[in-house]
């Protein structure tokens, strides 16, 4: 007597053609993914449209001179954001340098067998918890701890090295240096976490091959692991830079809110985000239009930085593949 075997519960072989349900599920997933991507693009265009519409009177009144003037005088209806653009880029770049050095160093320390895995997990969790601290708390910590701590050092540098533009002024209170220090700490968790993922995604056989060639531990890290993870590290720096560009409350409390362009690390400065936060509550109709123009400029700068970062990352990845 012939017997039949129920194969309904067996997994489908890879050589078998997909069923109609699998085709339907695949098309449904593709449709949802495409709709989500299209929604993000439409939302970005809508944000640009709304902000641009509110900023249109200021764009017509000030034109490109708004981007090249450093005067912000609501009484005389004179508006320019060159000082804010300078402060935004200058403070973000300085913070990114500090966060990049410490973030990549922490990623190497926590992923390259310098610590026991459980202890490394504890340190990793502590670093990631820095991202959960509210911005205003960082600002208060900067006012009451960072500024008093670095003021004697800043004034000594100004006294003995004041001929160098970086130390050309004293630190009387809020200024660029405390803002950069706090901003670097705020960006650090992003850079460190993504850099760790970049190192952990490297196949272990790559490290084994490096040791097989006779490298030391540090030679394997610096000459093999670090170049291999460079694409992910660069992505971490791009995301950290984007975070630094848009930071508001801590910088508004620490940077001094002064419309001036200076290389000195101890002079007050301003950023686009802190300008919006500090001026909007008391702004009249004309100043609000100018502030929306500034918001449009900040949005354009942030998107441009991320687009350039993605392009550079793809070029780096292609060079590594070839």
Protein backbone atom coordinates (compact mmCIF):
# COMPACT_ATOMS: atom_id res chain seq x y z
CA UNK A 1 0.00 0.00 0.00
CA UNK A 2 1.46 3.33 -1.07
CA UNK A 3 1.95 5.95 1.57
CA UNK A 4 1.93 9.70 1.11
CA UNK A 5 4.23 12.06 2.92
CA UNK A 6 2.93 15.45 4.02
CA UNK A 7 5.47 18.04 2.84
CA UNK A 8 3.45 21.12 3.68
CA UNK A 9 5.55 21.88 6.77
CA UNK A 10 8.90 21.37 5.09
CA UNK A 11 10.94 24.46 4.21
CA UNK A 12 10.93 25.34 0.55
CA UNK A 13 14.11 24.48 -1.33
CA UNK A 14 16.15 27.38 -2.65
CA UNK A 15 15.85 25.92 -6.15
CA UNK A 16 12.04 26.05 -6.12
CA UNK A 17 10.21 28.99 -7.67
CA UNK A 18 8.59 31.46 -5.24
CA UNK A 19 4.92 30.92 -4.62
CA UNK A 20 2.21 33.42 -5.46
CA UNK A 21 1.97 34.50 -1.83
CA UNK A 22 5.69 35.18 -1.68
CA UNK A 23 5.48 37.25 -4.85
CA UNK A 24 2.61 39.22 -3.34
CA UNK A 25 4.47 39.75 -0.06
CA UNK A 26 7.58 40.92 -1.91
CA UNK A 27 5.62 43.41 -4.00
CA UNK A 28 3.77 44.65 -0.93
CA UNK A 29 7.04 45.18 0.94
CA UNK A 30 8.54 47.01 -2.04
CA UNK A 31 5.48 49.21 -2.29
CA UNK A 32 5.61 50.11 1.42
CA UNK A 33 9.34 50.86 1.24
CA UNK A 34 8.87 53.02 -1.86
CA UNK A 35 5.97 54.87 -0.25
CA UNK A 36 8.02 55.53 2.89
CA UNK A 37 10.94 56.89 0.84
CA UNK A 38 8.59 59.06 -1.22
CA UNK A 39 6.95 60.35 1.97
CA UNK A 40 10.31 61.47 3.36
CA UNK A 41 11.10 63.35 0.14
CA UNK A 42 7.65 64.94 0.02
CA UNK A 43 7.92 65.93 3.70
CA UNK A 44 11.31 67.57 3.09
CA UNK A 45 9.97 69.48 0.09
CA UNK A 46 6.93 70.54 2.14
CA UNK A 47 9.14 71.83 4.96
CA UNK A 48 11.21 73.82 2.46
CA UNK A 49 8.00 75.15 0.88
CA UNK A 50 6.49 76.27 4.18
CA UNK A 51 9.66 77.89 5.55
CA UNK A 52 10.46 79.42 2.17
CA UNK A 53 6.96 80.88 1.92
CA UNK A 54 7.27 82.53 5.32
CA UNK A 55 10.77 83.76 4.49
CA UNK A 56 9.88 85.04 1.01
CA UNK A 57 9.31 88.69 2.07
CA UNK A 58 12.75 88.75 3.74
CA UNK A 59 14.34 87.07 0.72
CA UNK A 60 12.86 89.72 -1.57
CA UNK A 61 13.87 92.54 0.77
CA UNK A 62 17.44 91.48 1.56
CA UNK A 63 18.43 89.05 -1.20
CA UNK A 64 21.86 87.42 -0.95
CA UNK A 65 23.10 90.35 1.10
CA UNK A 66 21.39 88.64 4.03
CA UNK A 67 24.07 85.94 3.82
CA UNK A 68 27.02 88.33 3.56
CA UNK A 69 26.14 90.88 6.25
CA UNK A 70 26.97 90.50 9.94
CA UNK A 71 24.52 93.14 11.19
CA UNK A 72 21.39 92.13 13.08
CA UNK A 73 19.49 95.27 14.07
CA UNK A 74 15.70 94.80 14.26
CA UNK A 75 15.20 98.47 15.14
CA UNK A 76 16.65 99.59 11.80
CA UNK A 77 15.31 96.52 9.95
CA UNK A 78 18.89 95.51 9.07
CA UNK A 79 19.46 91.78 9.08
CA UNK A 80 22.42 89.59 8.16
CA UNK A 81 23.60 86.17 9.30
CA UNK A 82 27.22 85.96 8.16
CA UNK A 83 28.42 86.00 11.79
CA UNK A 84 25.92 83.25 12.66
CA UNK A 85 26.98 81.11 9.70
CA UNK A 86 30.61 81.53 10.76
CA UNK A 87 29.81 80.67 14.38
CA UNK A 88 27.76 77.63 13.37
CA UNK A 89 30.43 76.14 11.11
CA UNK A 90 33.40 77.14 13.30
CA UNK A 91 31.98 75.76 16.55
CA UNK A 92 30.70 72.59 14.87
CA UNK A 93 34.03 71.85 13.18
CA UNK A 94 36.01 72.41 16.39
CA UNK A 95 33.61 70.22 18.36
CA UNK A 96 33.78 67.55 15.66
CA UNK A 97 37.59 67.48 15.83
CA UNK A 98 37.50 66.92 19.59
CA UNK A 99 34.63 64.40 19.45
CA UNK A 100 36.23 62.62 16.49
CA UNK A 101 39.56 62.08 18.25
CA UNK A 102 38.02 60.91 21.51
CA UNK A 103 35.15 59.01 19.87
CA UNK A 104 37.38 56.96 17.55
CA UNK A 105 39.86 56.41 20.38
CA UNK A 106 37.07 55.11 22.60
CA UNK A 107 35.82 52.86 19.81
CA UNK A 108 39.28 51.34 19.43
CA UNK A 109 39.64 50.94 23.19
CA UNK A 110 36.26 49.23 23.57
CA UNK A 111 36.39 46.91 20.55
CA UNK A 112 40.04 45.84 20.15
CA UNK A 113 40.41 43.59 23.19
CA UNK A 114 41.82 46.15 25.61
CA UNK A 115 39.05 45.38 28.13
CA UNK A 116 37.08 42.35 29.22
CA UNK A 117 33.86 42.17 27.13
CA UNK A 118 31.61 42.75 30.17
CA UNK A 119 33.62 45.75 31.32
CA UNK A 120 33.64 47.12 27.76
CA UNK A 121 29.84 46.77 27.71
CA UNK A 122 29.59 48.83 30.91
CA UNK A 123 31.76 51.61 29.46
CA UNK A 124 29.81 51.49 26.19
CA UNK A 125 26.53 51.90 28.05
CA UNK A 126 27.87 54.84 30.06
CA UNK A 127 28.99 56.62 26.88
CA UNK A 128 25.64 56.05 25.19
CA UNK A 129 23.85 57.44 28.25
CA UNK A 130 25.47 60.82 27.53
CA UNK A 131 23.07 61.16 24.59
CA UNK A 132 20.09 60.97 26.97
CA UNK A 133 21.09 64.03 29.02
CA UNK A 134 18.89 67.05 28.11
CA UNK A 135 20.58 69.89 26.29
CA UNK A 136 19.62 72.45 28.93
CA UNK A 137 21.40 70.37 31.59
CA UNK A 138 24.56 70.48 29.49
CA UNK A 139 24.12 74.23 29.26
CA UNK A 140 23.81 74.67 33.02
CA UNK A 141 26.81 72.40 33.59
CA UNK A 142 28.79 74.48 31.13
CA UNK A 143 27.88 77.74 32.90
CA UNK A 144 28.64 76.61 36.44
CA UNK A 145 31.48 74.13 35.85
CA UNK A 146 33.17 74.46 32.44
CA UNK A 147 33.47 78.26 32.26
CA UNK A 148 34.98 78.69 35.77
CA UNK A 149 37.31 75.73 35.13
CA UNK A 150 38.78 76.98 31.86
CA UNK A 151 38.77 80.73 32.57
CA UNK A 152 42.21 80.78 34.31
CA UNK A 153 43.73 78.71 31.48
CA UNK A 154 42.13 80.91 28.83
CA UNK A 155 43.34 84.12 30.45
CA UNK A 156 46.86 82.71 30.83
CA UNK A 157 46.94 81.72 27.18
CA UNK A 158 45.78 85.19 26.23
CA UNK A 159 48.45 86.80 28.40
CA UNK A 160 51.38 84.80 27.05
CA UNK A 161 50.16 83.80 23.57
CA UNK A 162 47.79 86.62 22.77
CA UNK A 163 49.62 87.35 19.51
CA UNK A 164 48.14 84.09 18.15
CA UNK A 165 44.62 84.76 16.76
CA UNK A 166 43.19 81.69 18.52
CA UNK A 167 44.04 83.23 21.91
CA UNK A 168 43.50 86.88 20.99
CA UNK A 169 40.91 87.64 23.69
CA UNK A 170 40.23 86.76 27.31
CA UNK A 171 37.33 84.63 28.51
CA UNK A 172 35.11 86.91 30.55
CA UNK A 173 32.08 84.59 30.57
CA UNK A 174 30.20 82.73 27.86
CA UNK A 175 32.28 82.23 24.74
CA UNK A 176 33.24 79.89 21.95
CA UNK A 177 35.55 77.60 23.96
CA UNK A 178 33.04 76.45 26.61
CA UNK A 179 30.40 76.04 23.92
CA UNK A 180 32.75 73.88 21.83
CA UNK A 181 33.72 71.71 24.81
CA UNK A 182 30.10 71.03 25.75
CA UNK A 183 29.10 70.52 22.13
CA UNK A 184 31.91 67.98 21.67
CA UNK A 185 30.63 66.01 24.67
CA UNK A 186 27.12 66.06 23.20
CA UNK A 187 28.37 64.80 19.83
CA UNK A 188 30.71 62.19 21.36
CA UNK A 189 28.09 59.41 21.89
CA UNK A 190 27.07 59.51 18.22
CA UNK A 191 30.64 59.33 16.93
CA UNK A 192 31.70 56.67 19.44
CA UNK A 193 28.68 54.39 18.94
CA UNK A 194 28.80 54.36 15.13
CA UNK A 195 32.59 53.99 15.11
CA UNK A 196 32.26 50.96 17.39
CA UNK A 197 29.76 49.42 14.98
CA UNK A 198 32.21 50.03 12.14
CA UNK A 199 35.00 48.19 13.98
CA UNK A 200 32.74 45.35 15.09
CA UNK A 201 31.49 44.78 11.53
CA UNK A 202 35.02 43.94 10.32
CA UNK A 203 35.35 40.15 9.84
CA UNK A 204 37.61 38.56 12.42
CA UNK A 205 39.60 36.87 9.67
CA UNK A 206 40.90 40.31 8.64
CA UNK A 207 42.56 40.72 12.03
CA UNK A 208 43.82 37.13 11.91
CA UNK A 209 45.36 37.77 8.50
CA UNK A 210 47.09 40.88 9.87
CA UNK A 211 48.54 38.92 12.80
CA UNK A 212 49.54 36.17 10.38
CA UNK A 213 51.65 38.72 8.50
CA UNK A 214 53.57 39.40 11.70
CA UNK A 215 52.01 42.72 12.78
CA UNK A 216 51.87 43.82 16.40
CA UNK A 217 48.59 44.66 18.10
CA UNK A 218 48.88 48.39 17.40
CA UNK A 219 50.11 47.84 13.85
CA UNK A 220 47.06 45.68 13.16
CA UNK A 221 44.80 48.39 14.58
CA UNK A 222 46.39 51.39 12.85
CA UNK A 223 47.34 49.83 9.52
CA UNK A 224 44.52 47.31 9.01
CA UNK A 225 41.50 47.81 11.26
CA UNK A 226 41.38 51.61 11.14
CA UNK A 227 41.59 51.88 7.31
CA UNK A 228 39.03 49.08 6.93
CA UNK A 229 36.57 50.85 9.25
CA UNK A 230 37.24 54.29 7.74
CA UNK A 231 33.96 54.35 5.80
CA UNK A 232 31.89 53.79 8.93
CA UNK A 233 34.01 56.24 10.92
CA UNK A 234 33.50 58.89 8.26
CA UNK A 235 29.76 58.25 8.43
CA UNK A 236 29.91 58.75 12.20
CA UNK A 237 31.68 62.08 11.72
CA UNK A 238 29.09 63.22 9.19
CA UNK A 239 26.21 62.36 11.53
CA UNK A 240 28.03 64.03 14.42
CA UNK A 241 28.58 67.16 12.36
CA UNK A 242 24.88 67.25 11.47
CA UNK A 243 24.01 66.95 15.16
CA UNK A 244 26.40 69.77 16.04
CA UNK A 245 24.98 72.11 13.39
CA UNK A 246 21.48 71.93 14.82
CA UNK A 247 22.24 72.04 18.53
CA UNK A 248 20.35 74.92 20.14
CA UNK A 249 19.84 75.31 23.87
CA UNK A 250 23.31 74.49 25.19
CA UNK A 251 24.96 76.80 22.65
CA UNK A 252 22.44 79.56 23.26
CA UNK A 253 23.40 79.44 26.94
CA UNK A 254 27.17 79.21 26.45
CA UNK A 255 28.32 80.86 23.24
CA UNK A 256 27.59 84.48 24.21
CA UNK A 257 25.17 85.43 21.38
CA UNK A 258 27.41 88.12 19.90
CA UNK A 259 27.23 88.98 16.18
CA UNK A 260 30.93 89.04 15.46
CA UNK A 261 33.41 87.06 13.40
CA UNK A 262 36.54 86.12 15.27
CA UNK A 263 39.10 83.31 15.27
CA UNK A 264 39.59 83.62 19.02
CA UNK A 265 38.44 80.62 21.02
CA UNK A 266 37.53 82.82 23.96
CA UNK A 267 35.44 85.51 22.29
CA UNK A 268 31.62 85.43 22.30
CA UNK A 269 29.98 84.25 19.07
CA UNK A 270 26.59 83.16 17.78
CA UNK A 271 25.03 80.36 15.77
CA UNK A 272 21.98 80.14 13.55
CA UNK A 273 20.16 77.81 15.94
CA UNK A 274 20.84 79.98 19.00
CA UNK A 275 19.83 83.09 17.03
CA UNK A 276 16.45 81.52 16.30
CA UNK A 277 15.96 80.41 19.90
CA UNK A 278 16.94 83.73 21.48
CA UNK A 279 15.28 86.17 19.05
CA UNK A 280 12.01 84.47 18.12
CA UNK A 281 10.01 84.99 21.37
CA UNK A 282 10.21 88.80 21.14
CA UNK A 283 10.45 89.19 17.37
CA UNK A 284 8.04 91.36 15.42
CA UNK A 285 6.57 90.46 12.05
CA UNK A 286 9.52 91.76 10.00
CA UNK A 287 12.10 90.12 12.24
CA UNK A 288 10.17 86.83 12.15
CA UNK A 289 10.44 86.84 8.37
CA UNK A 290 14.20 87.36 8.67
CA UNK A 291 14.41 84.56 11.21
CA UNK A 292 12.59 82.23 8.82
CA UNK A 293 15.17 83.16 6.19
CA UNK A 294 17.87 82.21 8.71
CA UNK A 295 16.08 78.93 9.40
CA UNK A 296 15.99 78.23 5.66
CA UNK A 297 19.74 78.87 5.47
CA UNK A 298 20.39 76.51 8.41
CA UNK A 299 18.26 73.80 6.80
CA UNK A 300 20.11 74.21 3.49
CA UNK A 301 23.52 74.04 5.21
CA UNK A 302 22.55 70.89 7.13
CA UNK A 303 21.23 69.12 4.03
CA UNK A 304 24.27 70.17 1.99
CA UNK A 305 26.64 68.81 4.65
CA UNK A 306 24.83 65.47 4.75
CA UNK A 307 24.68 65.17 0.96
CA UNK A 308 28.39 65.90 0.63
CA UNK A 309 29.09 63.41 3.40
CA UNK A 310 27.09 60.67 1.69
CA UNK A 311 28.89 61.32 -1.61
CA UNK A 312 32.31 61.20 0.04
CA UNK A 313 31.36 58.01 1.91
CA UNK A 314 30.29 56.30 -1.31
CA UNK A 315 33.52 57.36 -3.03
CA UNK A 316 35.55 56.05 -0.08
CA UNK A 317 33.68 52.73 -0.16
CA UNK A 318 34.30 52.35 -3.90
CA UNK A 319 38.01 53.01 -3.47
CA UNK A 320 38.20 50.39 -0.72
CA UNK A 321 36.39 47.83 -2.90
CA UNK A 322 38.68 48.43 -5.88
